[in-house]
């Protein structure tokens, strides 16, 4: 897997952690990853107009937004996360008002913090050297795309590295905590379902690995959401905005 995809996965993970719901969430996140890997282009190859947030939507960088088990999350993390979700909703033509976006952003930040805390309790840590190594590789493989993405989401390198660290922690957490299996029968059943919708999808043997990965991601997201919900029940969460 190319290191650049890590950034796409970071954005994809935001959709999962925001817990927006909806029957087509997997399709949306897959589309988002594909758009990020292709460089966020619209039809015709043109870059989309960057989404902006108003002063009314922003929170002061040092202002506490939410506290999770005594650990505060401030505006410097809230603002880029808010813009990230606003951009995603715009790309998917989702009509979401500012209050809904604010709640989605808070949910995403709380869920990520709960994962980080539980991961730390289980001995899962990501060092600054590991983050820097991943960042350097991403930059080496696509400096122009990285700069475009940073500009689009109004991120500086430190903010991006913070997101990257969260992503790396979550990846290790998923690998350590969940043993996801997909059976051949599940793959065949899924293939039959999509074949009913289109006869031109190709042969099962050509699509088997891709279907298996899709089903694994769906199961992983389900298990992650269940774990986060369980962590949230025992957590002390205070919102300040």
Protein backbone atom coordinates (compact mmCIF):
# COMPACT_ATOMS: atom_id res chain seq x y z
CA UNK A 1 0.00 0.00 0.00
CA UNK A 2 1.41 3.38 -0.98
CA UNK A 3 2.11 5.66 1.94
CA UNK A 4 0.10 8.41 0.29
CA UNK A 5 -3.03 6.34 0.87
CA UNK A 6 -2.51 6.86 4.60
CA UNK A 7 -3.82 10.40 4.16
CA UNK A 8 -6.85 9.11 2.28
CA UNK A 9 -7.43 6.62 5.08
CA UNK A 10 -7.16 9.41 7.62
CA UNK A 11 -10.01 11.19 5.89
CA UNK A 12 -11.95 7.96 5.50
CA UNK A 13 -11.53 7.25 9.18
CA UNK A 14 -13.06 10.62 9.97
CA UNK A 15 -16.30 9.51 8.35
CA UNK A 16 -16.36 6.37 10.45
CA UNK A 17 -15.53 8.16 13.69
CA UNK A 18 -18.07 10.89 13.07
CA UNK A 19 -20.69 8.12 13.05
CA UNK A 20 -22.87 9.99 10.60
CA UNK A 21 -24.94 6.86 9.93
CA UNK A 22 -26.76 6.04 6.74
CA UNK A 23 -27.11 2.87 4.72
CA UNK A 24 -24.48 3.83 2.16
CA UNK A 25 -21.69 4.83 4.52
CA UNK A 26 -19.30 2.21 3.16
CA UNK A 27 -19.88 3.45 -0.39
CA UNK A 28 -19.25 7.03 0.70
CA UNK A 29 -16.00 6.23 2.45
CA UNK A 30 -14.77 4.13 -0.45
CA UNK A 31 -15.59 7.00 -2.81
CA UNK A 32 -13.80 9.44 -0.52
CA UNK A 33 -10.65 7.29 -0.49
CA UNK A 34 -10.78 6.99 -4.26
CA UNK A 35 -11.18 10.75 -4.67
CA UNK A 36 -8.24 11.42 -2.36
CA UNK A 37 -6.01 8.92 -4.17
CA UNK A 38 -6.90 10.52 -7.50
CA UNK A 39 -6.07 13.98 -6.23
CA UNK A 40 -9.52 15.33 -5.33
CA UNK A 41 -10.41 16.19 -8.91
CA UNK A 42 -13.80 16.98 -10.34
CA UNK A 43 -14.98 15.95 -13.81
CA UNK A 44 -12.51 17.16 -16.38
CA UNK A 45 -9.56 16.91 -13.98
CA UNK A 46 -10.02 20.35 -12.41
CA UNK A 47 -9.39 20.83 -8.72
CA UNK A 48 -12.62 21.56 -6.80
CA UNK A 49 -13.05 24.94 -5.19
CA UNK A 50 -11.75 24.79 -1.61
CA UNK A 51 -14.38 24.75 1.11
CA UNK A 52 -14.03 27.48 3.69
CA UNK A 53 -15.28 27.97 7.24
CA UNK A 54 -16.45 31.34 8.48
CA UNK A 55 -15.25 33.15 11.58
CA UNK A 56 -18.58 32.21 13.17
CA UNK A 57 -17.84 28.53 12.62
CA UNK A 58 -14.27 28.69 13.94
CA UNK A 59 -13.24 28.23 17.55
CA UNK A 60 -10.28 30.07 19.09
CA UNK A 61 -7.22 27.81 18.88
CA UNK A 62 -6.69 27.77 22.63
CA UNK A 63 -10.35 27.42 23.61
CA UNK A 64 -11.43 24.07 25.08
CA UNK A 65 -14.05 22.40 22.91
CA UNK A 66 -14.59 19.12 24.74
CA UNK A 67 -13.00 17.15 27.56
CA UNK A 68 -12.68 13.36 27.40
CA UNK A 69 -11.83 11.74 30.73
CA UNK A 70 -10.13 14.94 31.81
CA UNK A 71 -8.14 15.46 28.58
CA UNK A 72 -9.14 18.64 26.75
CA UNK A 73 -9.44 19.01 22.99
CA UNK A 74 -9.06 22.58 21.83
CA UNK A 75 -9.84 24.70 18.82
CA UNK A 76 -6.53 23.95 17.13
CA UNK A 77 -7.76 20.38 16.62
CA UNK A 78 -11.44 21.22 16.20
CA UNK A 79 -11.11 23.70 13.32
CA UNK A 80 -9.28 21.44 10.81
CA UNK A 81 -11.51 18.50 11.76
CA UNK A 82 -14.61 20.66 11.19
CA UNK A 83 -13.29 21.78 7.80
CA UNK A 84 -12.47 18.18 6.90
CA UNK A 85 -16.03 17.04 7.55
CA UNK A 86 -17.52 20.09 5.85
CA UNK A 87 -15.43 19.33 2.77
CA UNK A 88 -16.55 15.71 2.75
CA UNK A 89 -20.20 16.63 3.09
CA UNK A 90 -19.81 19.13 0.25
CA UNK A 91 -18.17 16.53 -1.99
CA UNK A 92 -20.99 14.09 -1.33
CA UNK A 93 -23.66 16.80 -1.73
CA UNK A 94 -24.86 16.28 1.83
CA UNK A 95 -27.06 19.10 3.12
CA UNK A 96 -25.76 19.51 6.67
CA UNK A 97 -26.17 22.69 8.69
CA UNK A 98 -23.52 24.20 10.95
CA UNK A 99 -24.99 22.76 14.15
CA UNK A 100 -24.98 19.27 12.68
CA UNK A 101 -21.41 19.71 11.46
CA UNK A 102 -20.36 20.92 14.89
CA UNK A 103 -21.85 17.83 16.52
CA UNK A 104 -20.29 15.51 13.93
CA UNK A 105 -16.91 17.10 14.55
CA UNK A 106 -17.20 16.79 18.31
CA UNK A 107 -18.29 13.15 17.95
CA UNK A 108 -15.31 12.43 15.72
CA UNK A 109 -12.84 14.05 18.10
CA UNK A 110 -14.33 12.31 21.14
CA UNK A 111 -14.31 8.93 19.44
CA UNK A 112 -10.70 9.33 18.34
CA UNK A 113 -9.66 10.41 21.82
CA UNK A 114 -11.38 7.37 23.35
CA UNK A 115 -9.50 5.11 20.93
CA UNK A 116 -6.20 6.84 21.72
CA UNK A 117 -6.79 6.48 25.45
CA UNK A 118 -7.79 2.81 25.22
CA UNK A 119 -4.85 2.11 22.93
CA UNK A 120 -2.49 3.74 25.42
CA UNK A 121 -3.97 1.67 28.26
CA UNK A 122 -3.22 -1.44 26.18
CA UNK A 123 0.37 -0.38 25.55
CA UNK A 124 -0.11 0.83 21.98
CA UNK A 125 2.02 3.89 21.33
CA UNK A 126 3.23 5.71 18.22
CA UNK A 127 6.47 7.64 18.58
CA UNK A 128 7.32 10.97 17.00
CA UNK A 129 9.98 9.19 14.95
CA UNK A 130 7.36 6.82 13.49
CA UNK A 131 5.09 9.72 12.57
CA UNK A 132 7.96 11.65 11.02
CA UNK A 133 9.03 8.60 9.01
CA UNK A 134 5.53 8.17 7.57
CA UNK A 135 5.28 11.89 6.87
CA UNK A 136 8.62 11.94 5.06
CA UNK A 137 7.57 8.98 2.92
CA UNK A 138 4.26 10.61 2.01
CA UNK A 139 6.06 13.83 1.11
CA UNK A 140 8.65 11.96 -0.96
CA UNK A 141 5.98 10.08 -2.93
CA UNK A 142 3.87 13.14 -3.65
CA UNK A 143 5.01 16.52 -2.35
CA UNK A 144 2.73 18.45 -4.70
CA UNK A 145 -0.33 16.42 -3.73
CA UNK A 146 0.55 16.77 -0.07
CA UNK A 147 0.84 20.56 -0.37
CA UNK A 148 -2.46 20.70 -2.25
CA UNK A 149 -4.18 18.66 0.45
CA UNK A 150 -2.70 20.76 3.25
CA UNK A 151 -3.94 23.88 1.51
CA UNK A 152 -7.38 22.43 0.85
CA UNK A 153 -7.89 21.43 4.49
CA UNK A 154 -6.01 24.47 5.84
CA UNK A 155 -3.56 22.28 7.75
CA UNK A 156 -0.01 23.03 8.70
CA UNK A 157 2.51 20.18 8.90
CA UNK A 158 2.14 19.80 12.68
CA UNK A 159 -1.63 19.47 12.40
CA UNK A 160 -1.26 16.94 9.61
CA UNK A 161 1.20 14.94 11.69
CA UNK A 162 -1.27 14.96 14.57
CA UNK A 163 -3.92 13.48 12.27
CA UNK A 164 -1.38 11.01 10.94
CA UNK A 165 -0.49 9.94 14.47
CA UNK A 166 -4.16 9.32 15.25
CA UNK A 167 -4.44 7.24 12.10
CA UNK A 168 -1.38 5.16 12.92
CA UNK A 169 -2.60 4.56 16.47
CA UNK A 170 -6.00 3.47 15.19
CA UNK A 171 -4.44 1.16 12.59
CA UNK A 172 -2.35 -0.56 15.27
CA UNK A 173 -5.36 -0.66 17.57
CA UNK A 174 -7.54 -2.35 14.96
CA UNK A 175 -4.84 -4.89 14.17
CA UNK A 176 -4.27 -5.66 17.84
CA UNK A 177 -7.84 -5.70 19.10
CA UNK A 178 -9.92 -7.22 16.29
CA UNK A 179 -9.46 -10.52 14.50
CA UNK A 180 -11.76 -10.06 11.52
CA UNK A 181 -12.51 -13.09 9.36
CA UNK A 182 -14.41 -13.21 6.07
CA UNK A 183 -15.63 -16.59 4.83
CA UNK A 184 -15.85 -17.77 1.23
CA UNK A 185 -19.61 -18.04 1.64
CA UNK A 186 -19.85 -14.40 2.66
CA UNK A 187 -17.84 -13.43 -0.41
CA UNK A 188 -20.06 -15.55 -2.68
CA UNK A 189 -23.26 -14.15 -1.15
CA UNK A 190 -22.00 -10.60 -1.60
CA UNK A 191 -21.06 -11.34 -5.19
CA UNK A 192 -24.54 -12.70 -5.89
CA UNK A 193 -26.10 -9.53 -4.49
CA UNK A 194 -24.08 -7.19 -6.67
CA UNK A 195 -24.47 -9.45 -9.70
CA UNK A 196 -28.25 -9.10 -9.37
CA UNK A 197 -27.77 -5.35 -9.77
CA UNK A 198 -25.43 -5.64 -12.75
CA UNK A 199 -24.61 -8.57 -15.02
CA UNK A 200 -21.41 -6.87 -16.19
CA UNK A 201 -19.47 -6.93 -12.96
CA UNK A 202 -17.02 -9.62 -14.03
CA UNK A 203 -16.20 -13.06 -12.72
CA UNK A 204 -16.10 -13.99 -9.05
CA UNK A 205 -12.46 -15.11 -9.18
CA UNK A 206 -11.46 -11.68 -10.51
CA UNK A 207 -13.35 -9.80 -7.79
CA UNK A 208 -12.87 -12.15 -4.85
CA UNK A 209 -9.98 -10.31 -3.19
CA UNK A 210 -11.63 -6.92 -3.58
CA UNK A 211 -14.94 -8.19 -2.17
CA UNK A 212 -13.16 -9.84 0.73
CA UNK A 213 -11.39 -6.57 1.56
CA UNK A 214 -14.66 -4.65 1.36
CA UNK A 215 -16.40 -7.06 3.72
CA UNK A 216 -13.44 -6.98 6.10
CA UNK A 217 -13.56 -3.19 6.21
CA UNK A 218 -17.32 -3.25 6.86
CA UNK A 219 -16.90 -5.72 9.72
CA UNK A 220 -13.98 -3.75 11.14
CA UNK A 221 -15.98 -0.52 11.10
CA UNK A 222 -18.87 -2.26 12.86
CA UNK A 223 -16.60 -3.67 15.55
CA UNK A 224 -14.82 -0.35 15.99
CA UNK A 225 -18.12 1.47 16.43
CA UNK A 226 -19.26 -1.08 19.02
CA UNK A 227 -16.02 -0.67 20.92
CA UNK A 228 -16.23 3.12 20.84
CA UNK A 229 -19.85 2.99 22.04
CA UNK A 230 -18.79 0.78 24.94
CA UNK A 231 -15.91 3.11 25.84
CA UNK A 232 -18.22 6.09 25.67
CA UNK A 233 -20.61 4.58 28.22
CA UNK A 234 -17.90 4.64 30.87
CA UNK A 235 -16.30 7.91 29.77
CA UNK A 236 -16.68 11.36 31.26
CA UNK A 237 -17.30 13.73 28.37
CA UNK A 238 -17.89 17.46 28.81
CA UNK A 239 -18.65 19.74 25.87
CA UNK A 240 -17.86 23.45 26.14
CA UNK A 241 -19.19 24.90 22.87
